[in-house]
């Protein structure tokens, strides 16, 4: 539902929205997150951290200027990791 809502907002010209799907658990999540953060410098990165929580938290900690908003089994981590 969130993905569909973001696609609709992008189609209406309200936001710029790009996504990557099926990143997996073999280290690709960290590589992709770092590439996005370092090359595209978005205001926010949204996703699902289940199974990759430590990786997402590590990347978020290295990029305090980007909001990371991820589904998670643990709580928020300052300054940029939110549920």
C-alpha atoms as a PDB file:
ATOM      1  CA  UNK A   1       0.000   0.000   0.000  1.00  0.00           C
ATOM      2  CA  UNK A   2       2.809   2.405   0.824  1.00  0.00           C
ATOM      3  CA  UNK A   3       4.508   1.681  -2.505  1.00  0.00           C
ATOM      4  CA  UNK A   4       1.275   2.341  -4.395  1.00  0.00           C
ATOM      5  CA  UNK A   5       0.665   5.597  -2.516  1.00  0.00           C
ATOM      6  CA  UNK A   6       4.208   6.778  -3.287  1.00  0.00           C
ATOM      7  CA  UNK A   7       3.768   5.868  -6.966  1.00  0.00           C
ATOM      8  CA  UNK A   8       0.549   7.898  -7.073  1.00  0.00           C
ATOM      9  CA  UNK A   9       2.236  10.898  -5.419  1.00  0.00           C
ATOM     10  CA  UNK A  10       5.062  10.670  -7.959  1.00  0.00           C
ATOM     11  CA  UNK A  11       2.602  10.437 -10.867  1.00  0.00           C
ATOM     12  CA  UNK A  12       0.871  13.571  -9.543  1.00  0.00           C
ATOM     13  CA  UNK A  13       4.227  15.370  -9.489  1.00  0.00           C
ATOM     14  CA  UNK A  14       4.210  15.729  -5.707  1.00  0.00           C
ATOM     15  CA  UNK A  15       7.445  13.784  -5.096  1.00  0.00           C
ATOM     16  CA  UNK A  16      10.263  12.080  -6.971  1.00  0.00           C
ATOM     17  CA  UNK A  17      10.135   8.356  -6.226  1.00  0.00           C
ATOM     18  CA  UNK A  18      12.443   5.535  -7.307  1.00  0.00           C
ATOM     19  CA  UNK A  19      12.512   1.982  -5.987  1.00  0.00           C
ATOM     20  CA  UNK A  20      14.548  -1.184  -6.063  1.00  0.00           C
ATOM     21  CA  UNK A  21      12.973  -4.569  -5.463  1.00  0.00           C
ATOM     22  CA  UNK A  22      14.259  -8.042  -4.531  1.00  0.00           C
ATOM     23  CA  UNK A  23      17.594  -6.900  -3.090  1.00  0.00           C
ATOM     24  CA  UNK A  24      17.956 -10.047  -0.994  1.00  0.00           C
ATOM     25  CA  UNK A  25      20.107 -11.042   1.955  1.00  0.00           C
ATOM     26  CA  UNK A  26      23.529 -11.771   0.407  1.00  0.00           C
ATOM     27  CA  UNK A  27      25.109  -8.393   1.077  1.00  0.00           C
ATOM     28  CA  UNK A  28      23.296  -6.621  -1.734  1.00  0.00           C
ATOM     29  CA  UNK A  29      21.181  -4.570   0.691  1.00  0.00           C
ATOM     30  CA  UNK A  30      24.206  -2.750   2.090  1.00  0.00           C
ATOM     31  CA  UNK A  31      25.713  -2.171  -1.351  1.00  0.00           C
ATOM     32  CA  UNK A  32      22.448  -0.833  -2.780  1.00  0.00           C
ATOM     33  CA  UNK A  33      21.723   1.400   0.227  1.00  0.00           C
ATOM     34  CA  UNK A  34      25.228   2.860   0.126  1.00  0.00           C
ATOM     35  CA  UNK A  35      25.018   3.489  -3.623  1.00  0.00           C
ATOM     36  CA  UNK A  36      21.679   5.243  -3.243  1.00  0.00           C
ATOM     37  CA  UNK A  37      22.838   7.323  -0.269  1.00  0.00           C
ATOM     38  CA  UNK A  38      26.161   8.327  -1.803  1.00  0.00           C
ATOM     39  CA  UNK A  39      25.172   8.785  -5.442  1.00  0.00           C
ATOM     40  CA  UNK A  40      21.589  10.042  -5.294  1.00  0.00           C
ATOM     41  CA  UNK A  41      21.623  11.735  -1.871  1.00  0.00           C
ATOM     42  CA  UNK A  42      17.852  11.444  -1.289  1.00  0.00           C
ATOM     43  CA  UNK A  43      16.015  13.205   1.508  1.00  0.00           C
ATOM     44  CA  UNK A  44      14.639   9.836   2.649  1.00  0.00           C
ATOM     45  CA  UNK A  45      15.057   6.112   2.030  1.00  0.00           C
ATOM     46  CA  UNK A  46      12.065   3.897   2.829  1.00  0.00           C
ATOM     47  CA  UNK A  47      11.898   0.147   3.032  1.00  0.00           C
ATOM     48  CA  UNK A  48      11.679  -3.059   5.010  1.00  0.00           C
ATOM     49  CA  UNK A  49      14.622  -3.901   7.272  1.00  0.00           C
ATOM     50  CA  UNK A  50      13.452  -7.341   8.402  1.00  0.00           C
ATOM     51  CA  UNK A  51      16.341  -9.728   7.895  1.00  0.00           C
ATOM     52  CA  UNK A  52      18.737  -6.859   7.161  1.00  0.00           C
ATOM     53  CA  UNK A  53      18.249  -4.707  10.230  1.00  0.00           C
ATOM     54  CA  UNK A  54      21.906  -4.459  11.266  1.00  0.00           C
ATOM     55  CA  UNK A  55      22.938  -3.474   7.745  1.00  0.00           C
ATOM     56  CA  UNK A  56      20.266  -0.794   7.426  1.00  0.00           C
ATOM     57  CA  UNK A  57      21.118   0.641  10.843  1.00  0.00           C
ATOM     58  CA  UNK A  58      24.825   0.728   9.942  1.00  0.00           C
ATOM     59  CA  UNK A  59      24.216   2.549   6.664  1.00  0.00           C
ATOM     60  CA  UNK A  60      21.771   4.961   8.329  1.00  0.00           C
ATOM     61  CA  UNK A  61      24.374   5.742  10.979  1.00  0.00           C
ATOM     62  CA  UNK A  62      26.891   6.622   8.266  1.00  0.00           C
ATOM     63  CA  UNK A  63      24.455   9.037   6.585  1.00  0.00           C
ATOM     64  CA  UNK A  64      22.918  11.317   9.252  1.00  0.00           C
ATOM     65  CA  UNK A  65      21.691  13.752   6.586  1.00  0.00           C
ATOM     66  CA  UNK A  66      19.266  11.165   5.126  1.00  0.00           C
ATOM     67  CA  UNK A  67      16.107   9.920   6.891  1.00  0.00           C
ATOM     68  CA  UNK A  68      15.889   6.118   6.848  1.00  0.00           C
ATOM     69  CA  UNK A  69      12.291   4.955   7.405  1.00  0.00           C
ATOM     70  CA  UNK A  70      12.129   1.162   7.624  1.00  0.00           C
ATOM     71  CA  UNK A  71       9.865  -1.539   8.972  1.00  0.00           C
ATOM     72  CA  UNK A  72      11.808  -3.045  11.852  1.00  0.00           C
ATOM     73  CA  UNK A  73      11.597  -5.429  14.761  1.00  0.00           C
ATOM     74  CA  UNK A  74      13.599  -3.078  16.978  1.00  0.00           C
ATOM     75  CA  UNK A  75      13.097   0.558  17.931  1.00  0.00           C
ATOM     76  CA  UNK A  76      14.327   3.817  16.386  1.00  0.00           C
ATOM     77  CA  UNK A  77      18.024   4.759  16.384  1.00  0.00           C
ATOM     78  CA  UNK A  78      19.082   8.377  16.537  1.00  0.00           C
ATOM     79  CA  UNK A  79      19.588  10.435  14.567  1.00  0.00           C
ATOM     80  CA  UNK A  80      18.023   9.066  11.359  1.00  0.00           C
ATOM     81  CA  UNK A  81      16.517   5.583  11.710  1.00  0.00           C
ATOM     82  CA  UNK A  82      12.751   5.553  12.197  1.00  0.00           C
ATOM     83  CA  UNK A  83      10.021   2.940  12.128  1.00  0.00           C
END
